[in-house]
Amino acid sequence: MAENRLSADDLIWPLFIIDGHNAKTAIKTLPGVERLSVDLAVEAARQAADAGIPALALFPNTQDERRSESASEAFNPDNLMCRALSAIKSAVPQIGLIADVALDEYSSDGQDGLVRGGEILNDETIAVMVKSALVQARAGADIIAPSDMMDGRVGAIRAALDGGGFSHVQIMSYAAKYASVFYGPFREAVGSGARLKGDKRTYQMDPFNSDEALREVALDIAEGADSVMVKPGLPYLDVIRRVKENFNVPVFAYQVSGEYAMIEFAARAGAFDRQAAMLESLACLKRAGCSGILTYFALEAAKLLQR
């Protein structure tokens, strides 16, 4: 009698990538999640494919010496992201690869955009993101996912991809990304949190707003987004539902690091059954209207759902 069903097809597994070989590092605020070197990410991709997970979302932890105010490492064709995309696509061609496009993983100040005099430079940031998207597409990305919330970046990336011979590469826009405290563990994972100067409230959304989310989604679809994302997930189920009801595109949610951490730490404290809470949280996102869910629980949940 269930009105909605959850399967491995609904799940996308985010992976954090580091330099090195056979290397992995723990993330204090994300228990059970590790940063992986490219070779171990390839092995993780094989596990994901075997479990029926259709896609991975990749996030690099760039070494400090490669970060700069100009974030030029973002469009280095031999950067960590591109090496991971190429290696995984060569070894596990059947799995989809979603490449994050934002500058916080490459900038020395932890912001998603270029900064001058304390202000975010929207158009200059987009120019760097376009170059970043192109090197990622050449490296094997199936989906480009701009997560920065700059105005006009979807249209600029779409035009560049089409002009560069990558019309088949999709864009999954972080269309309704809120200025949320729930991103804290993620920022530790990619190494941007400790260096973040200021905050991101000038370009991410106010948590009190939902009409604004519909305007942002409409703009990104008009610019060529193939799918849209609401982030975070569980605290914004109402926004997911409104987007689903108002637009005829796939709607994704990111069950972000803080959501994952709350479940993990609460379960460790004996507050509830961990597996049951994990599956219920994913069911809530599916019920709200998600076509897919980015979650750190993806591999474990997929294996459970296969039984």
C-alpha atoms as a PDB file:
ATOM      1  CA  MET A   1       0.000   0.000   0.000  1.00  0.00           C
ATOM      2  CA  ALA A   2       3.057   2.311  -0.011  1.00  0.00           C
ATOM      3  CA  GLU A   3       2.442   5.442  -2.092  1.00  0.00           C
ATOM      4  CA  ASN A   4       6.154   5.979  -2.758  1.00  0.00           C
ATOM      5  CA  ARG A   5       9.085   3.610  -3.070  1.00  0.00           C
ATOM      6  CA  LEU A   6      12.800   4.087  -2.560  1.00  0.00           C
ATOM      7  CA  SER A   7      15.432   2.208  -4.553  1.00  0.00           C
ATOM      8  CA  ALA A   8      19.133   2.397  -5.335  1.00  0.00           C
ATOM      9  CA  ASP A   9      18.179   4.234  -8.553  1.00  0.00           C
ATOM     10  CA  ASP A  10      17.136   7.210  -6.408  1.00  0.00           C
ATOM     11  CA  LEU A  11      20.552   7.629  -4.769  1.00  0.00           C
ATOM     12  CA  ILE A  12      23.664   9.585  -5.700  1.00  0.00           C
ATOM     13  CA  TRP A  13      26.833   9.068  -3.670  1.00  0.00           C
ATOM     14  CA  PRO A  14      29.033  12.110  -2.929  1.00  0.00           C
ATOM     15  CA  LEU A  15      32.765  11.343  -2.758  1.00  0.00           C
ATOM     16  CA  PHE A  16      35.540  13.561  -1.412  1.00  0.00           C
ATOM     17  CA  ILE A  17      38.794  13.243  -3.357  1.00  0.00           C
ATOM     18  CA  ILE A  18      42.363  13.838  -2.130  1.00  0.00           C
ATOM     19  CA  ASP A  19      45.813  13.550  -3.660  1.00  0.00           C
ATOM     20  CA  GLY A  20      48.004  10.499  -3.060  1.00  0.00           C
ATOM     21  CA  HIS A  21      47.826   6.778  -3.676  1.00  0.00           C
ATOM     22  CA  ASN A  22      45.947   4.242  -1.556  1.00  0.00           C
ATOM     23  CA  ALA A  23      45.212   7.133   0.784  1.00  0.00           C
ATOM     24  CA  LYS A  24      42.162   7.914   2.848  1.00  0.00           C
ATOM     25  CA  THR A  25      41.562  10.345   5.677  1.00  0.00           C
ATOM     26  CA  ALA A  26      38.791  10.521   8.235  1.00  0.00           C
ATOM     27  CA  ILE A  27      36.485  13.524   8.605  1.00  0.00           C
ATOM     28  CA  LYS A  28      35.900  14.246  12.278  1.00  0.00           C
ATOM     29  CA  THR A  29      32.440  15.736  11.855  1.00  0.00           C
ATOM     30  CA  LEU A  30      31.314  13.125   9.298  1.00  0.00           C
ATOM     31  CA  PRO A  31      31.754   9.776  11.058  1.00  0.00           C
ATOM     32  CA  GLY A  32      31.998   6.906   8.600  1.00  0.00           C
ATOM     33  CA  VAL A  33      32.834   9.175   5.628  1.00  0.00           C
ATOM     34  CA  GLU A  34      36.407   9.355   4.343  1.00  0.00           C
ATOM     35  CA  ARG A  35      38.298  11.399   1.788  1.00  0.00           C
ATOM     36  CA  LEU A  36      39.699   9.043  -0.867  1.00  0.00           C
ATOM     37  CA  SER A  37      42.645   9.182  -3.248  1.00  0.00           C
ATOM     38  CA  VAL A  38      41.780   8.741  -6.913  1.00  0.00           C
ATOM     39  CA  ASP A  39      42.611   5.021  -6.985  1.00  0.00           C
ATOM     40  CA  LEU A  40      40.368   4.355  -3.994  1.00  0.00           C
ATOM     41  CA  ALA A  41      37.638   6.489  -5.554  1.00  0.00           C
ATOM     42  CA  VAL A  42      37.776   4.171  -8.563  1.00  0.00           C
ATOM     43  CA  GLU A  43      37.199   1.216  -6.237  1.00  0.00           C
ATOM     44  CA  ALA A  44      34.320   3.075  -4.583  1.00  0.00           C
ATOM     45  CA  ALA A  45      32.811   3.663  -8.028  1.00  0.00           C
ATOM     46  CA  ARG A  46      32.922  -0.080  -8.718  1.00  0.00           C
ATOM     47  CA  GLN A  47      31.123  -0.737  -5.424  1.00  0.00           C
ATOM     48  CA  ALA A  48      28.517   1.884  -6.267  1.00  0.00           C
ATOM     49  CA  ALA A  49      27.874   0.399  -9.712  1.00  0.00           C
ATOM     50  CA  ASP A  50      27.539  -3.090  -8.225  1.00  0.00           C
ATOM     51  CA  ALA A  51      24.992  -1.750  -5.720  1.00  0.00           C
ATOM     52  CA  GLY A  52      22.888  -0.167  -8.478  1.00  0.00           C
ATOM     53  CA  ILE A  53      23.758   3.467  -7.709  1.00  0.00           C
ATOM     54  CA  PRO A  54      23.490   5.398 -10.989  1.00  0.00           C
ATOM     55  CA  ALA A  55      25.859   8.289 -10.287  1.00  0.00           C
ATOM     56  CA  LEU A  56      28.583   9.764  -8.105  1.00  0.00           C
ATOM     57  CA  ALA A  57      29.056  13.432  -7.188  1.00  0.00           C
ATOM     58  CA  LEU A  58      32.721  14.382  -6.822  1.00  0.00           C
ATOM     59  CA  PHE A  59      34.230  17.057  -4.571  1.00  0.00           C
ATOM     60  CA  PRO A  60      37.993  17.672  -4.441  1.00  0.00           C
ATOM     61  CA  ASN A  61      40.024  18.666  -1.390  1.00  0.00           C
ATOM     62  CA  THR A  62      42.649  20.732  -3.166  1.00  0.00           C
ATOM     63  CA  GLN A  63      46.077  21.078  -1.563  1.00  0.00           C
ATOM     64  CA  ASP A  64      46.747  24.438   0.073  1.00  0.00           C
ATOM     65  CA  GLU A  65      49.590  25.368  -2.256  1.00  0.00           C
ATOM     66  CA  ARG A  66      47.251  25.048  -5.254  1.00  0.00           C
ATOM     67  CA  ARG A  67      44.647  27.419  -3.818  1.00  0.00           C
ATOM     68  CA  SER A  68      44.759  31.081  -4.738  1.00  0.00           C
ATOM     69  CA  GLU A  69      42.730  34.290  -4.838  1.00  0.00           C
ATOM     70  CA  SER A  70      42.196  33.725  -8.575  1.00  0.00           C
ATOM     71  CA  ALA A  71      41.114  30.075  -8.095  1.00  0.00           C
ATOM     72  CA  SER A  72      42.973  29.248 -11.323  1.00  0.00           C
ATOM     73  CA  GLU A  73      43.383  25.608 -10.274  1.00  0.00           C
ATOM     74  CA  ALA A  74      39.664  25.248 -11.044  1.00  0.00           C
ATOM     75  CA  PHE A  75      40.423  25.169 -14.771  1.00  0.00           C
ATOM     76  CA  ASN A  76      43.715  23.272 -14.669  1.00  0.00           C
ATOM     77  CA  PRO A  77      43.006  20.225 -16.912  1.00  0.00           C
ATOM     78  CA  ASP A  78      45.251  18.158 -14.638  1.00  0.00           C
ATOM     79  CA  ASN A  79      43.624  19.213 -11.376  1.00  0.00           C
ATOM     80  CA  LEU A  80      42.435  16.699  -8.812  1.00  0.00           C
ATOM     81  CA  MET A  81      38.828  16.777  -9.990  1.00  0.00           C
ATOM     82  CA  CYS A  82      39.747  16.150 -13.622  1.00  0.00           C
ATOM     83  CA  ARG A  83      42.109  13.302 -12.742  1.00  0.00           C
ATOM     84  CA  ALA A  84      39.377  11.661 -10.686  1.00  0.00           C
ATOM     85  CA  LEU A  85      36.764  12.100 -13.421  1.00  0.00           C
ATOM     86  CA  SER A  86      39.055  10.600 -16.047  1.00  0.00           C
ATOM     87  CA  ALA A  87      40.151   7.652 -13.921  1.00  0.00           C
ATOM     88  CA  ILE A  88      36.649   6.710 -12.835  1.00  0.00           C
ATOM     89  CA  LYS A  89      35.133   7.112 -16.292  1.00  0.00           C
ATOM     90  CA  SER A  90      37.858   4.904 -17.794  1.00  0.00           C
ATOM     91  CA  ALA A  91      37.475   2.178 -15.181  1.00  0.00           C
ATOM     92  CA  VAL A  92      33.704   2.284 -14.566  1.00  0.00           C
ATOM     93  CA  PRO A  93      32.176   3.838 -17.704  1.00  0.00           C
ATOM     94  CA  GLN A  94      28.632   2.830 -16.806  1.00  0.00           C
ATOM     95  CA  ILE A  95      28.395   5.080 -13.747  1.00  0.00           C
ATOM     96  CA  GLY A  96      27.342   8.701 -14.137  1.00  0.00           C
ATOM     97  CA  LEU A  97      29.716  11.404 -12.915  1.00  0.00           C
ATOM     98  CA  ILE A  98      28.496  14.705 -11.511  1.00  0.00           C
ATOM     99  CA  ALA A  99      31.171  17.395 -11.265  1.00  0.00           C
ATOM    100  CA  ASP A 100      30.764  20.188  -8.749  1.00  0.00           C
ATOM    101  CA  VAL A 101      31.530  23.635 -10.182  1.00  0.00           C
ATOM    102  CA  ALA A 102      32.275  26.297  -7.580  1.00  0.00           C
ATOM    103  CA  LEU A 103      35.412  28.096  -6.511  1.00  0.00           C
ATOM    104  CA  ASP A 104      35.441  27.356  -2.763  1.00  0.00           C
ATOM    105  CA  GLU A 105      37.404  24.158  -3.461  1.00  0.00           C
ATOM    106  CA  TYR A 106      40.160  26.175  -5.186  1.00  0.00           C
ATOM    107  CA  SER A 107      40.111  29.635  -3.606  1.00  0.00           C
ATOM    108  CA  SER A 108      42.300  30.766  -0.736  1.00  0.00           C
ATOM    109  CA  ASP A 109      39.387  32.479   1.040  1.00  0.00           C
ATOM    110  CA  GLY A 110      36.796  29.680   0.976  1.00  0.00           C
ATOM    111  CA  GLN A 111      34.205  31.668  -0.950  1.00  0.00           C
ATOM    112  CA  ASP A 112      32.278  30.232  -3.915  1.00  0.00           C
ATOM    113  CA  GLY A 113      33.164  33.299  -5.966  1.00  0.00           C
ATOM    114  CA  LEU A 114      36.100  35.585  -6.609  1.00  0.00           C
ATOM    115  CA  VAL A 115      36.412  38.368  -4.048  1.00  0.00           C
ATOM    116  CA  ARG A 116      37.637  41.946  -4.342  1.00  0.00           C
ATOM    117  CA  GLY A 117      37.447  44.446  -1.506  1.00  0.00           C
ATOM    118  CA  GLY A 118      35.213  42.116   0.449  1.00  0.00           C
ATOM    119  CA  GLU A 119      32.654  41.826  -2.360  1.00  0.00           C
ATOM    120  CA  ILE A 120      31.835  38.798  -4.515  1.00  0.00           C
ATOM    121  CA  LEU A 121      32.498  39.401  -8.213  1.00  0.00           C
ATOM    122  CA  ASN A 122      29.587  37.727 -10.007  1.00  0.00           C
ATOM    123  CA  ASP A 123      30.609  38.027 -13.662  1.00  0.00           C
ATOM    124  CA  GLU A 124      34.306  37.405 -13.079  1.00  0.00           C
ATOM    125  CA  THR A 125      33.396  34.289 -11.116  1.00  0.00           C
ATOM    126  CA  ILE A 126      31.232  32.996 -13.960  1.00  0.00           C
ATOM    127  CA  ALA A 127      34.130  33.372 -16.410  1.00  0.00           C
ATOM    128  CA  VAL A 128      36.277  31.087 -14.241  1.00  0.00           C
ATOM    129  CA  MET A 129      33.418  28.624 -13.733  1.00  0.00           C
ATOM    130  CA  VAL A 130      32.880  28.341 -17.486  1.00  0.00           C
ATOM    131  CA  LYS A 131      36.514  27.359 -17.985  1.00  0.00           C
ATOM    132  CA  SER A 132      36.233  24.915 -15.080  1.00  0.00           C
ATOM    133  CA  ALA A 133      33.112  23.294 -16.567  1.00  0.00           C
ATOM    134  CA  LEU A 134      34.859  22.786 -19.907  1.00  0.00           C
ATOM    135  CA  VAL A 135      37.874  20.975 -18.462  1.00  0.00           C
ATOM    136  CA  GLN A 136      35.545  18.798 -16.402  1.00  0.00           C
ATOM    137  CA  ALA A 137      33.485  17.896 -19.467  1.00  0.00           C
ATOM    138  CA  ARG A 138      36.667  16.965 -21.352  1.00  0.00           C
ATOM    139  CA  ALA A 139      37.732  14.790 -18.413  1.00  0.00           C
ATOM    140  CA  GLY A 140      34.521  12.751 -18.508  1.00  0.00           C
ATOM    141  CA  ALA A 141      31.848  14.537 -16.493  1.00  0.00           C
ATOM    142  CA  ASP A 142      28.337  13.557 -17.532  1.00  0.00           C
ATOM    143  CA  ILE A 143      26.666  16.311 -15.520  1.00  0.00           C
ATOM    144  CA  ILE A 144      28.016  19.718 -14.558  1.00  0.00           C
ATOM    145  CA  ALA A 145      26.619  20.915 -11.236  1.00  0.00           C
ATOM    146  CA  PRO A 146      27.165  24.631 -10.543  1.00  0.00           C
ATOM    147  CA  SER A 147      26.766  25.029  -6.780  1.00  0.00           C
ATOM    148  CA  ASP A 148      27.781  28.660  -6.396  1.00  0.00           C
ATOM    149  CA  MET A 149      24.466  30.574  -6.791  1.00  0.00           C
ATOM    150  CA  MET A 150      25.988  33.285  -9.005  1.00  0.00           C
ATOM    151  CA  ASP A 151      23.453  34.998 -11.279  1.00  0.00           C
ATOM    152  CA  GLY A 152      23.554  33.884 -14.911  1.00  0.00           C
ATOM    153  CA  ARG A 153      26.032  31.061 -14.563  1.00  0.00           C
ATOM    154  CA  VAL A 154      23.749  28.334 -15.957  1.00  0.00           C
ATOM    155  CA  GLY A 155      23.250  30.144 -19.247  1.00  0.00           C
ATOM    156  CA  ALA A 156      26.962  30.888 -19.595  1.00  0.00           C
ATOM    157  CA  ILE A 157      27.944  27.275 -18.892  1.00  0.00           C
ATOM    158  CA  ARG A 158      25.289  25.923 -21.264  1.00  0.00           C
ATOM    159  CA  ALA A 159      26.505  28.150 -24.068  1.00  0.00           C
ATOM    160  CA  ALA A 160      30.125  27.154 -23.465  1.00  0.00           C
ATOM    161  CA  LEU A 161      29.344  23.437 -23.340  1.00  0.00           C
ATOM    162  CA  ASP A 162      27.304  23.588 -26.529  1.00  0.00           C
ATOM    163  CA  GLY A 163      29.952  25.647 -28.277  1.00  0.00           C
ATOM    164  CA  GLY A 164      32.686  23.288 -27.132  1.00  0.00           C
ATOM    165  CA  GLY A 165      31.046  20.148 -28.497  1.00  0.00           C
ATOM    166  CA  PHE A 166      29.527  19.027 -25.195  1.00  0.00           C
ATOM    167  CA  SER A 167      25.827  19.490 -25.898  1.00  0.00           C
ATOM    168  CA  HIS A 168      25.259  16.004 -24.439  1.00  0.00           C
ATOM    169  CA  VAL A 169      26.607  17.052 -21.020  1.00  0.00           C
ATOM    170  CA  GLN A 170      23.766  17.965 -18.682  1.00  0.00           C
ATOM    171  CA  ILE A 171      23.549  20.743 -16.113  1.00  0.00           C
ATOM    172  CA  MET A 172      22.198  20.012 -12.649  1.00  0.00           C
ATOM    173  CA  SER A 173      21.773  23.433 -11.110  1.00  0.00           C
ATOM    174  CA  TYR A 174      21.957  24.065  -7.383  1.00  0.00           C
ATOM    175  CA  ALA A 175      19.005  26.363  -7.967  1.00  0.00           C
ATOM    176  CA  ALA A 176      17.722  26.773  -4.409  1.00  0.00           C
ATOM    177  CA  LYS A 177      20.794  26.646  -2.192  1.00  0.00           C
ATOM    178  CA  TYR A 178      20.214  28.137   1.222  1.00  0.00           C
ATOM    179  CA  ALA A 179      22.722  29.919   3.468  1.00  0.00           C
ATOM    180  CA  SER A 180      22.592  27.072   5.954  1.00  0.00           C
ATOM    181  CA  VAL A 181      24.509  26.067   9.059  1.00  0.00           C
ATOM    182  CA  PHE A 182      24.077  22.442   7.963  1.00  0.00           C
ATOM    183  CA  TYR A 183      27.085  22.661   5.586  1.00  0.00           C
ATOM    184  CA  GLY A 184      29.672  22.733   8.372  1.00  0.00           C
ATOM    185  CA  PRO A 185      31.026  19.168   8.056  1.00  0.00           C
ATOM    186  CA  PHE A 186      31.197  19.478   4.246  1.00  0.00           C
ATOM    187  CA  ARG A 187      33.409  22.531   4.549  1.00  0.00           C
ATOM    188  CA  GLU A 188      35.754  20.554   6.764  1.00  0.00           C
ATOM    189  CA  ALA A 189      35.731  17.721   4.220  1.00  0.00           C
ATOM    190  CA  VAL A 190      36.812  19.916   1.267  1.00  0.00           C
ATOM    191  CA  GLY A 191      39.111  22.103   3.338  1.00  0.00           C
ATOM    192  CA  SER A 192      37.267  25.396   2.848  1.00  0.00           C
ATOM    193  CA  GLY A 193      35.760  25.926   6.287  1.00  0.00           C
ATOM    194  CA  ALA A 194      38.860  26.983   8.203  1.00  0.00           C
ATOM    195  CA  ARG A 195      39.841  29.533   5.536  1.00  0.00           C
ATOM    196  CA  LEU A 196      36.348  30.965   4.941  1.00  0.00           C
ATOM    197  CA  LYS A 197      36.408  34.751   5.252  1.00  0.00           C
ATOM    198  CA  GLY A 198      32.990  36.216   5.989  1.00  0.00           C
ATOM    199  CA  ASP A 199      29.908  34.214   5.074  1.00  0.00           C
ATOM    200  CA  LYS A 200      27.896  33.370   1.964  1.00  0.00           C
ATOM    201  CA  ARG A 201      24.626  35.134   2.706  1.00  0.00           C
ATOM    202  CA  THR A 202      25.054  37.689  -0.078  1.00  0.00           C
ATOM    203  CA  TYR A 203      24.541  34.999  -2.726  1.00  0.00           C
ATOM    204  CA  GLN A 204      22.971  31.987  -0.995  1.00  0.00           C
ATOM    205  CA  MET A 205      19.303  32.089  -0.035  1.00  0.00           C
ATOM    206  CA  ASP A 206      17.641  33.288   3.154  1.00  0.00           C
ATOM    207  CA  PRO A 207      16.270  30.262   5.083  1.00  0.00           C
ATOM    208  CA  PHE A 208      13.048  32.219   5.705  1.00  0.00           C
ATOM    209  CA  ASN A 209      12.217  32.382   1.973  1.00  0.00           C
ATOM    210  CA  SER A 210      10.442  29.941  -0.328  1.00  0.00           C
ATOM    211  CA  ASP A 211       8.895  32.175  -3.020  1.00  0.00           C
ATOM    212  CA  GLU A 212      12.446  33.226  -3.869  1.00  0.00           C
ATOM    213  CA  ALA A 213      13.312  29.567  -4.496  1.00  0.00           C
ATOM    214  CA  LEU A 214      10.664  29.382  -7.222  1.00  0.00           C
ATOM    215  CA  ARG A 215      12.082  32.476  -8.908  1.00  0.00           C
ATOM    216  CA  GLU A 216      15.615  31.073  -8.774  1.00  0.00           C
ATOM    217  CA  VAL A 217      14.498  27.731 -10.205  1.00  0.00           C
ATOM    218  CA  ALA A 218      12.574  29.409 -13.023  1.00  0.00           C
ATOM    219  CA  LEU A 219      15.619  31.479 -13.990  1.00  0.00           C
ATOM    220  CA  ASP A 220      17.929  28.451 -14.091  1.00  0.00           C
ATOM    221  CA  ILE A 221      15.506  26.394 -16.169  1.00  0.00           C
ATOM    222  CA  ALA A 222      15.116  29.289 -18.599  1.00  0.00           C
ATOM    223  CA  GLU A 223      18.922  29.400 -18.929  1.00  0.00           C
ATOM    224  CA  GLY A 224      19.136  25.714 -19.801  1.00  0.00           C
ATOM    225  CA  ALA A 225      19.300  23.650 -16.601  1.00  0.00           C
ATOM    226  CA  ASP A 226      18.297  20.029 -17.201  1.00  0.00           C
ATOM    227  CA  SER A 227      17.551  19.417 -13.532  1.00  0.00           C
ATOM    228  CA  VAL A 228      17.514  21.468 -10.344  1.00  0.00           C
ATOM    229  CA  MET A 229      18.507  20.909  -6.750  1.00  0.00           C
ATOM    230  CA  VAL A 230      17.234  22.062  -3.388  1.00  0.00           C
ATOM    231  CA  LYS A 231      19.899  22.157  -0.676  1.00  0.00           C
ATOM    232  CA  PRO A 232      19.738  21.247   2.218  1.00  0.00           C
ATOM    233  CA  GLY A 233      17.146  18.493   2.070  1.00  0.00           C
ATOM    234  CA  LEU A 234      15.111  17.605   5.165  1.00  0.00           C
ATOM    235  CA  PRO A 235      14.802  21.159   6.581  1.00  0.00           C
ATOM    236  CA  TYR A 236      13.419  22.267   3.187  1.00  0.00           C
ATOM    237  CA  LEU A 237      10.864  19.587   2.315  1.00  0.00           C
ATOM    238  CA  ASP A 238       8.264  22.298   1.692  1.00  0.00           C
ATOM    239  CA  VAL A 239      10.520  23.910  -0.906  1.00  0.00           C
ATOM    240  CA  ILE A 240      11.127  20.578  -2.642  1.00  0.00           C
ATOM    241  CA  ARG A 241       7.374  20.022  -2.867  1.00  0.00           C
ATOM    242  CA  ARG A 242       6.721  23.518  -4.236  1.00  0.00           C
ATOM    243  CA  VAL A 243       9.420  23.133  -6.893  1.00  0.00           C
ATOM    244  CA  LYS A 244       8.089  19.710  -7.872  1.00  0.00           C
ATOM    245  CA  GLU A 245       4.548  21.020  -8.237  1.00  0.00           C
ATOM    246  CA  ASN A 246       5.530  24.080 -10.262  1.00  0.00           C
ATOM    247  CA  PHE A 247       8.152  22.799 -12.715  1.00  0.00           C
ATOM    248  CA  ASN A 248       8.354  19.853 -15.076  1.00  0.00           C
ATOM    249  CA  VAL A 249      12.023  18.993 -14.545  1.00  0.00           C
ATOM    250  CA  PRO A 250      13.765  16.454 -12.310  1.00  0.00           C
ATOM    251  CA  VAL A 251      14.158  17.806  -8.782  1.00  0.00           C
ATOM    252  CA  PHE A 252      17.051  16.613  -6.644  1.00  0.00           C
ATOM    253  CA  ALA A 253      17.823  17.185  -2.989  1.00  0.00           C
ATOM    254  CA  TYR A 254      21.145  17.047  -1.188  1.00  0.00           C
ATOM    255  CA  GLN A 255      20.907  15.410   2.215  1.00  0.00           C
ATOM    256  CA  VAL A 256      23.796  17.541   3.367  1.00  0.00           C
ATOM    257  CA  SER A 257      26.616  16.833   5.760  1.00  0.00           C
ATOM    258  CA  GLY A 258      24.893  18.345   8.778  1.00  0.00           C
ATOM    259  CA  GLU A 259      21.795  16.223   8.226  1.00  0.00           C
ATOM    260  CA  TYR A 260      23.936  13.092   7.951  1.00  0.00           C
ATOM    261  CA  ALA A 261      25.928  14.050  11.051  1.00  0.00           C
ATOM    262  CA  MET A 262      22.798  14.620  13.124  1.00  0.00           C
ATOM    263  CA  ILE A 263      21.556  11.116  12.382  1.00  0.00           C
ATOM    264  CA  GLU A 264      24.955   9.552  13.030  1.00  0.00           C
ATOM    265  CA  PHE A 265      25.629  11.333  16.330  1.00  0.00           C
ATOM    266  CA  ALA A 266      22.061  10.903  17.591  1.00  0.00           C
ATOM    267  CA  ALA A 267      22.173   7.176  16.834  1.00  0.00           C
ATOM    268  CA  ARG A 268      25.525   6.847  18.608  1.00  0.00           C
ATOM    269  CA  ALA A 269      23.979   8.539  21.629  1.00  0.00           C
ATOM    270  CA  GLY A 270      21.204   5.929  21.630  1.00  0.00           C
ATOM    271  CA  ALA A 271      18.438   8.308  20.565  1.00  0.00           C
ATOM    272  CA  PHE A 272      17.062   5.972  17.867  1.00  0.00           C
ATOM    273  CA  ASP A 273      17.847   3.073  15.559  1.00  0.00           C
ATOM    274  CA  ARG A 274      20.398   4.270  13.008  1.00  0.00           C
ATOM    275  CA  GLN A 275      19.287   2.232   9.979  1.00  0.00           C
ATOM    276  CA  ALA A 276      15.634   3.021  10.524  1.00  0.00           C
ATOM    277  CA  ALA A 277      16.369   6.745  10.820  1.00  0.00           C
ATOM    278  CA  MET A 278      18.518   6.646   7.682  1.00  0.00           C
ATOM    279  CA  LEU A 279      15.828   4.994   5.578  1.00  0.00           C
ATOM    280  CA  GLU A 280      13.023   7.141   6.983  1.00  0.00           C
ATOM    281  CA  SER A 281      14.948  10.330   6.226  1.00  0.00           C
ATOM    282  CA  LEU A 282      15.452   9.218   2.620  1.00  0.00           C
ATOM    283  CA  ALA A 283      11.788   8.192   2.336  1.00  0.00           C
ATOM    284  CA  CYS A 284      10.753  11.692   3.438  1.00  0.00           C
ATOM    285  CA  LEU A 285      12.814  13.258   0.645  1.00  0.00           C
ATOM    286  CA  LYS A 286      11.331  10.877  -1.919  1.00  0.00           C
ATOM    287  CA  ARG A 287       7.795  11.567  -0.659  1.00  0.00           C
ATOM    288  CA  ALA A 288       8.348  15.324  -0.981  1.00  0.00           C
ATOM    289  CA  GLY A 289       8.964  14.846  -4.710  1.00  0.00           C
ATOM    290  CA  CYS A 290      12.651  14.151  -5.242  1.00  0.00           C
ATOM    291  CA  SER A 291      13.718  12.472  -8.475  1.00  0.00           C
ATOM    292  CA  GLY A 292      17.044  11.696  -6.819  1.00  0.00           C
ATOM    293  CA  ILE A 293      18.880  12.240  -3.543  1.00  0.00           C
ATOM    294  CA  LEU A 294      22.541  13.011  -2.929  1.00  0.00           C
ATOM    295  CA  THR A 295      23.377  11.306   0.349  1.00  0.00           C
ATOM    296  CA  TYR A 296      26.420  10.003   2.206  1.00  0.00           C
ATOM    297  CA  PHE A 297      24.245   7.016   3.124  1.00  0.00           C
ATOM    298  CA  ALA A 298      23.970   6.025  -0.551  1.00  0.00           C
ATOM    299  CA  LEU A 299      26.095   2.876  -0.612  1.00  0.00           C
ATOM    300  CA  GLU A 300      24.757   1.469   2.637  1.00  0.00           C
ATOM    301  CA  ALA A 301      21.162   2.311   1.767  1.00  0.00           C
ATOM    302  CA  ALA A 302      21.495   0.854  -1.753  1.00  0.00           C
ATOM    303  CA  LYS A 303      22.752  -2.451  -0.360  1.00  0.00           C
ATOM    304  CA  LEU A 304      19.883  -2.599   2.130  1.00  0.00           C
ATOM    305  CA  LEU A 305      17.333  -1.817  -0.556  1.00  0.00           C
ATOM    306  CA  GLN A 306      18.690  -4.594  -2.780  1.00  0.00           C
ATOM    307  CA  ARG A 307      17.733  -7.228  -0.222  1.00  0.00           C
END
